[in-house]
Amino acid sequence: MAALRVLVGVKRVIDYAVKVRVAAGGGGVQTQGVKHSLNPFCEIALEEAVRLREGGAAAEVVAVSVGTRACQETLRTALALGADRGVLVEVGEGAAVGPREAAAALAGLVGRLQPQLVLLGKQAIDDDCNQTGQILAAMLDWPQGTFASRVELEAGAVRVEREVDGGLERLRLRLPAVLTADLRLNQPRYATLPNIMKAKKKPLEVMAAIGVPPEPPLLRVLKVEEPPARQGGERVENVAALVERLRSSGRI
């Protein structure tokens, strides 16, 4: 089996440990002065690509991000975790980059880099859209394997085990293909200090978006609100009192 190139999409998101707060005006969430990190599902996809390379099935792992210049930090993290080089498809500050726009940018980059396999996280923890991989596969007219919990490469194809409601589904896809990583695909490694230092010398290319639709995005956030504060509990003496309390509050 000839060694192949794997393109891995990585996204910069607010760190999962940060308490997200609504920005003034309700147009979004606070991002200034807030810790950002690599999306956990993208990290799983990257780990799988690095393992394929370490096993000899892949020749090169290219980490790609679509976003502002701040995403270079995320790409450096991906390089420290094992990617060979990084590419930032840069967009302006305040530009709306949803699943459709990200998929269009990735599709344009696929035409340039000619990877045989594209690995993405199944979703991002900021918007939870779970759409980019599917839209990208449709744009490229490539087979897709979503929610992958196991990946095996073979001559000209990839076998994917994916989780569905009824259990596990096994697919065989002809390459090139698009895969999205589920939580159980692997356990990502930690970036060691030597690899963090080496990542600073790895190539990172910044380029303009290719193929991003010029028309306005189809999805627009109207308003973001904090969830209502949880009220304290109330103790009642017996079941009859509980029923009466629920009836008076309009719950039943």
C-alpha atoms as a PDB file:
ATOM      1  CA  MET A   1       0.000   0.000   0.000  1.00  0.00           C
ATOM      2  CA  ALA A   2       1.455   3.325  -1.051  1.00  0.00           C
ATOM      3  CA  ALA A   3       1.962   5.826   1.754  1.00  0.00           C
ATOM      4  CA  LEU A   4      -0.600   8.598   1.697  1.00  0.00           C
ATOM      5  CA  ARG A   5      -1.060  12.175   2.857  1.00  0.00           C
ATOM      6  CA  VAL A   6      -3.548  12.852   5.635  1.00  0.00           C
ATOM      7  CA  LEU A   7      -5.135  16.270   6.100  1.00  0.00           C
ATOM      8  CA  VAL A   8      -6.426  16.955   9.610  1.00  0.00           C
ATOM      9  CA  GLY A   9      -8.739  19.863  10.381  1.00  0.00           C
ATOM     10  CA  VAL A  10      -8.158  21.523  13.759  1.00  0.00           C
ATOM     11  CA  LYS A  11     -10.252  24.251  15.374  1.00  0.00           C
ATOM     12  CA  ARG A  12      -9.427  26.842  18.023  1.00  0.00           C
ATOM     13  CA  VAL A  13     -12.124  26.877  20.690  1.00  0.00           C
ATOM     14  CA  ILE A  14     -12.580  28.218  24.208  1.00  0.00           C
ATOM     15  CA  ASP A  15     -10.943  25.758  26.585  1.00  0.00           C
ATOM     16  CA  TYR A  16     -13.341  23.163  27.964  1.00  0.00           C
ATOM     17  CA  ALA A  17     -12.423  24.072  31.563  1.00  0.00           C
ATOM     18  CA  VAL A  18     -13.356  27.750  31.157  1.00  0.00           C
ATOM     19  CA  LYS A  19     -16.745  28.976  32.389  1.00  0.00           C
ATOM     20  CA  VAL A  20     -18.283  30.544  29.312  1.00  0.00           C
ATOM     21  CA  ARG A  21     -19.947  33.923  29.833  1.00  0.00           C
ATOM     22  CA  VAL A  22     -22.258  35.888  27.562  1.00  0.00           C
ATOM     23  CA  ALA A  23     -20.722  39.038  26.086  1.00  0.00           C
ATOM     24  CA  ALA A  24     -22.288  42.436  26.606  1.00  0.00           C
ATOM     25  CA  GLY A  25     -25.207  42.920  24.242  1.00  0.00           C
ATOM     26  CA  GLY A  26     -25.945  39.198  23.960  1.00  0.00           C
ATOM     27  CA  GLY A  27     -24.431  38.855  20.491  1.00  0.00           C
ATOM     28  CA  GLY A  28     -22.099  36.038  21.503  1.00  0.00           C
ATOM     29  CA  VAL A  29     -19.798  34.870  24.286  1.00  0.00           C
ATOM     30  CA  GLN A  30     -16.771  36.540  25.809  1.00  0.00           C
ATOM     31  CA  THR A  31     -13.582  35.599  23.964  1.00  0.00           C
ATOM     32  CA  GLN A  32     -11.180  38.373  24.966  1.00  0.00           C
ATOM     33  CA  GLY A  33      -8.788  37.357  27.708  1.00  0.00           C
ATOM     34  CA  VAL A  34     -10.197  33.815  27.725  1.00  0.00           C
ATOM     35  CA  LYS A  35      -8.029  30.722  27.390  1.00  0.00           C
ATOM     36  CA  HIS A  36      -8.385  28.921  24.050  1.00  0.00           C
ATOM     37  CA  SER A  37      -7.190  25.462  23.114  1.00  0.00           C
ATOM     38  CA  LEU A  38      -7.384  22.765  20.472  1.00  0.00           C
ATOM     39  CA  ASN A  39     -10.869  21.300  20.097  1.00  0.00           C
ATOM     40  CA  PRO A  40     -10.803  17.889  21.873  1.00  0.00           C
ATOM     41  CA  PHE A  41     -12.408  15.999  18.981  1.00  0.00           C
ATOM     42  CA  CYS A  42      -9.900  17.529  16.550  1.00  0.00           C
ATOM     43  CA  GLU A  43      -7.172  16.349  18.906  1.00  0.00           C
ATOM     44  CA  ILE A  44      -8.495  12.787  18.623  1.00  0.00           C
ATOM     45  CA  ALA A  45      -8.520  13.044  14.811  1.00  0.00           C
ATOM     46  CA  LEU A  46      -4.937  14.331  14.865  1.00  0.00           C
ATOM     47  CA  GLU A  47      -3.812  11.518  17.153  1.00  0.00           C
ATOM     48  CA  GLU A  48      -5.253   8.939  14.762  1.00  0.00           C
ATOM     49  CA  ALA A  49      -3.471  10.527  11.786  1.00  0.00           C
ATOM     50  CA  VAL A  50      -0.160  10.544  13.676  1.00  0.00           C
ATOM     51  CA  ARG A  51      -0.626   6.870  14.574  1.00  0.00           C
ATOM     52  CA  LEU A  52      -1.239   6.045  10.910  1.00  0.00           C
ATOM     53  CA  ARG A  53       2.016   7.771  10.024  1.00  0.00           C
ATOM     54  CA  GLU A  54       3.910   6.054  12.823  1.00  0.00           C
ATOM     55  CA  GLY A  55       2.555   2.724  11.603  1.00  0.00           C
ATOM     56  CA  GLY A  56       3.829   3.385   8.083  1.00  0.00           C
ATOM     57  CA  ALA A  57       0.411   3.748   6.462  1.00  0.00           C
ATOM     58  CA  ALA A  58       0.704   7.528   6.037  1.00  0.00           C
ATOM     59  CA  ALA A  59       3.636   9.549   4.741  1.00  0.00           C
ATOM     60  CA  GLU A  60       2.633  13.013   5.939  1.00  0.00           C
ATOM     61  CA  VAL A  61       0.188  14.611   8.356  1.00  0.00           C
ATOM     62  CA  VAL A  62      -0.891  18.171   7.518  1.00  0.00           C
ATOM     63  CA  ALA A  63      -2.800  20.123  10.177  1.00  0.00           C
ATOM     64  CA  VAL A  64      -5.155  22.781   8.786  1.00  0.00           C
ATOM     65  CA  SER A  65      -7.135  25.481  10.550  1.00  0.00           C
ATOM     66  CA  VAL A  66      -9.608  28.024   9.176  1.00  0.00           C
ATOM     67  CA  GLY A  67      -9.739  31.198  11.227  1.00  0.00           C
ATOM     68  CA  THR A  68      -7.943  34.313  12.362  1.00  0.00           C
ATOM     69  CA  ARG A  69      -4.206  34.731  12.905  1.00  0.00           C
ATOM     70  CA  ALA A  70      -4.680  33.621  16.519  1.00  0.00           C
ATOM     71  CA  CYS A  71      -5.198  30.084  15.192  1.00  0.00           C
ATOM     72  CA  GLN A  72      -1.444  29.831  14.623  1.00  0.00           C
ATOM     73  CA  GLU A  73      -1.130  28.972  18.315  1.00  0.00           C
ATOM     74  CA  THR A  74      -3.535  26.068  17.829  1.00  0.00           C
ATOM     75  CA  LEU A  75      -1.561  24.871  14.828  1.00  0.00           C
ATOM     76  CA  ARG A  76       1.676  24.985  16.835  1.00  0.00           C
ATOM     77  CA  THR A  77      -0.009  22.740  19.378  1.00  0.00           C
ATOM     78  CA  ALA A  78      -0.954  20.352  16.561  1.00  0.00           C
ATOM     79  CA  LEU A  79       2.651  20.370  15.354  1.00  0.00           C
ATOM     80  CA  ALA A  80       3.848  19.580  18.873  1.00  0.00           C
ATOM     81  CA  LEU A  81       1.419  16.632  18.942  1.00  0.00           C
ATOM     82  CA  GLY A  82       2.966  15.150  15.806  1.00  0.00           C
ATOM     83  CA  ALA A  83       1.746  16.919  12.664  1.00  0.00           C
ATOM     84  CA  ASP A  84       4.475  17.435  10.050  1.00  0.00           C
ATOM     85  CA  ARG A  85       3.388  20.881   8.913  1.00  0.00           C
ATOM     86  CA  GLY A  86       0.562  23.340   9.378  1.00  0.00           C
ATOM     87  CA  VAL A  87      -1.564  25.492   7.105  1.00  0.00           C
ATOM     88  CA  LEU A  88      -3.687  28.397   8.277  1.00  0.00           C
ATOM     89  CA  VAL A  89      -6.464  29.507   5.962  1.00  0.00           C
ATOM     90  CA  GLU A  90      -6.745  33.011   7.355  1.00  0.00           C
ATOM     91  CA  VAL A  91      -9.962  34.992   7.553  1.00  0.00           C
ATOM     92  CA  GLY A  92     -10.492  38.491   8.912  1.00  0.00           C
ATOM     93  CA  GLU A  93     -11.421  39.366  12.473  1.00  0.00           C
ATOM     94  CA  GLY A  94     -15.160  39.091  12.971  1.00  0.00           C
ATOM     95  CA  ALA A  95     -15.712  36.962   9.855  1.00  0.00           C
ATOM     96  CA  ALA A  96     -18.410  34.338  10.287  1.00  0.00           C
ATOM     97  CA  VAL A  97     -16.895  30.883   9.820  1.00  0.00           C
ATOM     98  CA  GLY A  98     -19.580  28.241  10.190  1.00  0.00           C
ATOM     99  CA  PRO A  99     -19.509  24.614   9.038  1.00  0.00           C
ATOM    100  CA  ARG A 100     -20.338  25.571   5.440  1.00  0.00           C
ATOM    101  CA  GLU A 101     -17.600  28.195   5.228  1.00  0.00           C
ATOM    102  CA  ALA A 102     -15.026  25.943   6.899  1.00  0.00           C
ATOM    103  CA  ALA A 103     -15.909  23.040   4.595  1.00  0.00           C
ATOM    104  CA  ALA A 104     -15.606  25.275   1.524  1.00  0.00           C
ATOM    105  CA  ALA A 105     -12.169  26.461   2.632  1.00  0.00           C
ATOM    106  CA  LEU A 106     -11.058  22.884   3.322  1.00  0.00           C
ATOM    107  CA  ALA A 107     -12.390  21.733  -0.047  1.00  0.00           C
ATOM    108  CA  GLY A 108     -10.311  24.377  -1.790  1.00  0.00           C
ATOM    109  CA  LEU A 109      -7.249  23.281   0.155  1.00  0.00           C
ATOM    110  CA  VAL A 110      -7.867  19.624  -0.702  1.00  0.00           C
ATOM    111  CA  GLY A 111      -7.650  20.533  -4.371  1.00  0.00           C
ATOM    112  CA  ARG A 112      -4.246  22.084  -3.733  1.00  0.00           C
ATOM    113  CA  LEU A 113      -2.679  19.541  -1.352  1.00  0.00           C
ATOM    114  CA  GLN A 114      -4.251  16.409  -2.866  1.00  0.00           C
ATOM    115  CA  PRO A 115      -4.596  14.334   0.345  1.00  0.00           C
ATOM    116  CA  GLN A 116      -5.977  10.816   0.149  1.00  0.00           C
ATOM    117  CA  LEU A 117      -7.630  11.015   3.561  1.00  0.00           C
ATOM    118  CA  VAL A 118      -9.231  13.882   5.495  1.00  0.00           C
ATOM    119  CA  LEU A 119      -9.717  13.462   9.251  1.00  0.00           C
ATOM    120  CA  LEU A 120     -11.869  15.818  11.303  1.00  0.00           C
ATOM    121  CA  GLY A 121     -13.338  15.819  14.767  1.00  0.00           C
ATOM    122  CA  LYS A 122     -17.005  14.843  14.708  1.00  0.00           C
ATOM    123  CA  GLN A 123     -17.946  18.208  16.257  1.00  0.00           C
ATOM    124  CA  ALA A 124     -16.537  21.292  17.945  1.00  0.00           C
ATOM    125  CA  ILE A 125     -17.310  21.943  21.601  1.00  0.00           C
ATOM    126  CA  ASP A 126     -18.216  25.593  20.964  1.00  0.00           C
ATOM    127  CA  ASP A 127     -21.089  25.292  18.471  1.00  0.00           C
ATOM    128  CA  ASP A 128     -21.657  21.483  18.532  1.00  0.00           C
ATOM    129  CA  CYS A 129     -22.781  21.652  14.904  1.00  0.00           C
ATOM    130  CA  ASN A 130     -21.448  18.245  13.761  1.00  0.00           C
ATOM    131  CA  GLN A 131     -21.716  19.301  10.101  1.00  0.00           C
ATOM    132  CA  THR A 132     -18.313  20.209   8.651  1.00  0.00           C
ATOM    133  CA  GLY A 133     -17.212  16.673   7.775  1.00  0.00           C
ATOM    134  CA  GLN A 134     -20.488  15.818   6.100  1.00  0.00           C
ATOM    135  CA  ILE A 135     -20.611  19.076   4.107  1.00  0.00           C
ATOM    136  CA  LEU A 136     -16.981  18.628   3.032  1.00  0.00           C
ATOM    137  CA  ALA A 137     -17.635  15.086   1.812  1.00  0.00           C
ATOM    138  CA  ALA A 138     -20.616  16.337  -0.207  1.00  0.00           C
ATOM    139  CA  MET A 139     -18.573  19.166  -1.752  1.00  0.00           C
ATOM    140  CA  LEU A 140     -15.772  16.784  -2.732  1.00  0.00           C
ATOM    141  CA  ASP A 141     -18.137  13.945  -3.683  1.00  0.00           C
ATOM    142  CA  TRP A 142     -16.054  11.617  -1.493  1.00  0.00           C
ATOM    143  CA  PRO A 143     -17.290   8.737   0.659  1.00  0.00           C
ATOM    144  CA  GLN A 144     -17.600   9.552   4.347  1.00  0.00           C
ATOM    145  CA  GLY A 145     -17.305   7.666   7.613  1.00  0.00           C
ATOM    146  CA  THR A 146     -18.676   9.660  10.547  1.00  0.00           C
ATOM    147  CA  PHE A 147     -18.374   8.992  14.303  1.00  0.00           C
ATOM    148  CA  ALA A 148     -15.457   6.623  13.685  1.00  0.00           C
ATOM    149  CA  SER A 149     -14.425   4.572  16.723  1.00  0.00           C
ATOM    150  CA  ARG A 150     -11.911   2.451  14.778  1.00  0.00           C
ATOM    151  CA  VAL A 151      -9.953   3.073  11.568  1.00  0.00           C
ATOM    152  CA  GLU A 152      -7.928   0.578   9.532  1.00  0.00           C
ATOM    153  CA  LEU A 153      -6.232   1.388   6.231  1.00  0.00           C
ATOM    154  CA  GLU A 154      -5.799  -1.163   3.483  1.00  0.00           C
ATOM    155  CA  ALA A 155      -4.882  -1.067  -0.199  1.00  0.00           C
ATOM    156  CA  GLY A 156      -6.917   1.742  -1.752  1.00  0.00           C
ATOM    157  CA  ALA A 157      -9.543   1.733   0.992  1.00  0.00           C
ATOM    158  CA  VAL A 158     -10.232   2.358   4.668  1.00  0.00           C
ATOM    159  CA  ARG A 159     -12.323   0.267   7.032  1.00  0.00           C
ATOM    160  CA  VAL A 160     -14.280   2.240   9.586  1.00  0.00           C
ATOM    161  CA  GLU A 161     -16.124   1.061  12.656  1.00  0.00           C
ATOM    162  CA  ARG A 162     -18.673   3.646  13.752  1.00  0.00           C
ATOM    163  CA  GLU A 163     -21.116   3.931  16.612  1.00  0.00           C
ATOM    164  CA  VAL A 164     -24.822   4.030  15.788  1.00  0.00           C
ATOM    165  CA  ASP A 165     -27.916   3.882  17.993  1.00  0.00           C
ATOM    166  CA  GLY A 166     -28.263   0.119  17.575  1.00  0.00           C
ATOM    167  CA  GLY A 167     -24.599  -0.773  18.165  1.00  0.00           C
ATOM    168  CA  LEU A 168     -21.626  -0.721  15.801  1.00  0.00           C
ATOM    169  CA  GLU A 169     -21.596  -0.363  12.027  1.00  0.00           C
ATOM    170  CA  ARG A 170     -18.620  -1.408   9.879  1.00  0.00           C
ATOM    171  CA  LEU A 171     -17.948   0.269   6.529  1.00  0.00           C
ATOM    172  CA  ARG A 172     -15.347  -0.111   3.802  1.00  0.00           C
ATOM    173  CA  LEU A 173     -14.720   3.146   1.948  1.00  0.00           C
ATOM    174  CA  ARG A 174     -12.671   3.645  -1.169  1.00  0.00           C
ATOM    175  CA  LEU A 175      -9.984   6.301  -0.910  1.00  0.00           C
ATOM    176  CA  PRO A 176      -9.985   9.261  -0.994  1.00  0.00           C
ATOM    177  CA  ALA A 177     -12.437   9.635   1.879  1.00  0.00           C
ATOM    178  CA  VAL A 178     -13.515  11.926   4.718  1.00  0.00           C
ATOM    179  CA  LEU A 179     -13.655  10.602   8.293  1.00  0.00           C
ATOM    180  CA  THR A 180     -14.838  12.224  11.515  1.00  0.00           C
ATOM    181  CA  ALA A 181     -13.490  11.018  14.853  1.00  0.00           C
ATOM    182  CA  ASP A 182     -15.616   9.898  17.772  1.00  0.00           C
ATOM    183  CA  LEU A 183     -14.595  10.124  21.410  1.00  0.00           C
ATOM    184  CA  ARG A 184     -13.648   6.443  21.644  1.00  0.00           C
ATOM    185  CA  LEU A 185     -11.330   6.344  18.634  1.00  0.00           C
ATOM    186  CA  ASN A 186      -8.198   6.802  20.760  1.00  0.00           C
ATOM    187  CA  GLN A 187      -6.611   8.521  23.736  1.00  0.00           C
ATOM    188  CA  PRO A 188      -4.581  11.532  22.553  1.00  0.00           C
ATOM    189  CA  ARG A 189      -1.005  11.923  23.752  1.00  0.00           C
ATOM    190  CA  TYR A 190       0.395  14.882  25.656  1.00  0.00           C
ATOM    191  CA  ALA A 191       2.786  17.301  23.992  1.00  0.00           C
ATOM    192  CA  THR A 192       6.233  16.861  25.533  1.00  0.00           C
ATOM    193  CA  LEU A 193       8.590  19.796  26.050  1.00  0.00           C
ATOM    194  CA  PRO A 194      11.070  18.589  23.376  1.00  0.00           C
ATOM    195  CA  ASN A 195       8.233  18.273  20.843  1.00  0.00           C
ATOM    196  CA  ILE A 196       6.934  21.719  21.779  1.00  0.00           C
ATOM    197  CA  MET A 197      10.382  23.147  21.025  1.00  0.00           C
ATOM    198  CA  LYS A 198      10.614  21.198  17.749  1.00  0.00           C
ATOM    199  CA  ALA A 199       7.164  22.480  16.716  1.00  0.00           C
ATOM    200  CA  LYS A 200       8.524  26.034  16.626  1.00  0.00           C
ATOM    201  CA  LYS A 201      10.769  25.050  13.708  1.00  0.00           C
ATOM    202  CA  LYS A 202       8.178  23.099  11.724  1.00  0.00           C
ATOM    203  CA  PRO A 203       6.722  24.852   8.653  1.00  0.00           C
ATOM    204  CA  LEU A 204       3.491  26.779   9.104  1.00  0.00           C
ATOM    205  CA  GLU A 205       1.995  28.393   6.013  1.00  0.00           C
ATOM    206  CA  VAL A 206      -0.526  31.244   6.169  1.00  0.00           C
ATOM    207  CA  MET A 207      -2.680  31.645   3.097  1.00  0.00           C
ATOM    208  CA  ALA A 208      -5.866  33.303   1.930  1.00  0.00           C
ATOM    209  CA  ALA A 209      -9.102  31.357   1.828  1.00  0.00           C
ATOM    210  CA  ILE A 210      -9.723  29.262  -1.271  1.00  0.00           C
ATOM    211  CA  GLY A 211     -13.295  28.605  -2.355  1.00  0.00           C
ATOM    212  CA  VAL A 212     -15.078  30.295   0.557  1.00  0.00           C
ATOM    213  CA  PRO A 213     -18.512  31.415  -0.672  1.00  0.00           C
ATOM    214  CA  PRO A 214     -18.636  35.211  -1.031  1.00  0.00           C
ATOM    215  CA  GLU A 215     -22.327  35.394  -0.122  1.00  0.00           C
ATOM    216  CA  PRO A 216     -23.400  35.977   3.496  1.00  0.00           C
ATOM    217  CA  PRO A 217     -23.462  32.911   5.769  1.00  0.00           C
ATOM    218  CA  LEU A 218     -26.719  30.993   5.956  1.00  0.00           C
ATOM    219  CA  LEU A 219     -26.534  30.729   9.738  1.00  0.00           C
ATOM    220  CA  ARG A 220     -26.684  33.836  11.938  1.00  0.00           C
ATOM    221  CA  VAL A 221     -26.734  34.006  15.728  1.00  0.00           C
ATOM    222  CA  LEU A 222     -29.561  36.276  16.852  1.00  0.00           C
ATOM    223  CA  LYS A 223     -28.989  36.293  20.598  1.00  0.00           C
ATOM    224  CA  VAL A 224     -27.125  34.420  23.305  1.00  0.00           C
ATOM    225  CA  GLU A 225     -28.551  34.254  26.822  1.00  0.00           C
ATOM    226  CA  GLU A 226     -27.419  32.817  30.137  1.00  0.00           C
ATOM    227  CA  PRO A 227     -29.544  29.880  31.317  1.00  0.00           C
ATOM    228  CA  PRO A 228     -32.002  30.840  34.066  1.00  0.00           C
ATOM    229  CA  ALA A 229     -30.639  30.578  37.586  1.00  0.00           C
ATOM    230  CA  ARG A 230     -31.626  27.373  39.308  1.00  0.00           C
ATOM    231  CA  GLN A 231     -33.999  27.883  42.219  1.00  0.00           C
ATOM    232  CA  GLY A 232     -33.496  26.162  45.518  1.00  0.00           C
ATOM    233  CA  GLY A 233     -35.390  23.022  46.458  1.00  0.00           C
ATOM    234  CA  GLU A 234     -38.345  22.867  48.811  1.00  0.00           C
ATOM    235  CA  ARG A 235     -39.143  20.125  51.305  1.00  0.00           C
ATOM    236  CA  VAL A 236     -42.758  18.952  51.714  1.00  0.00           C
ATOM    237  CA  GLU A 237     -44.291  16.796  54.417  1.00  0.00           C
ATOM    238  CA  ASN A 238     -46.015  14.136  52.291  1.00  0.00           C
ATOM    239  CA  VAL A 239     -47.138  13.132  48.804  1.00  0.00           C
ATOM    240  CA  ALA A 240     -50.382  15.045  49.038  1.00  0.00           C
ATOM    241  CA  ALA A 241     -48.500  18.241  49.846  1.00  0.00           C
ATOM    242  CA  LEU A 242     -46.143  17.572  46.929  1.00  0.00           C
ATOM    243  CA  VAL A 243     -49.052  17.150  44.504  1.00  0.00           C
ATOM    244  CA  GLU A 244     -50.702  20.319  45.767  1.00  0.00           C
ATOM    245  CA  ARG A 245     -47.433  22.249  45.457  1.00  0.00           C
ATOM    246  CA  LEU A 246     -46.937  21.047  41.873  1.00  0.00           C
ATOM    247  CA  ARG A 247     -50.529  21.925  40.992  1.00  0.00           C
ATOM    248  CA  SER A 248     -50.248  25.422  42.422  1.00  0.00           C
ATOM    249  CA  SER A 249     -47.058  26.070  40.477  1.00  0.00           C
ATOM    250  CA  GLY A 250     -48.686  24.959  37.216  1.00  0.00           C
ATOM    251  CA  ARG A 251     -46.493  21.883  36.768  1.00  0.00           C
ATOM    252  CA  ILE A 252     -49.439  19.489  36.704  1.00  0.00           C
END
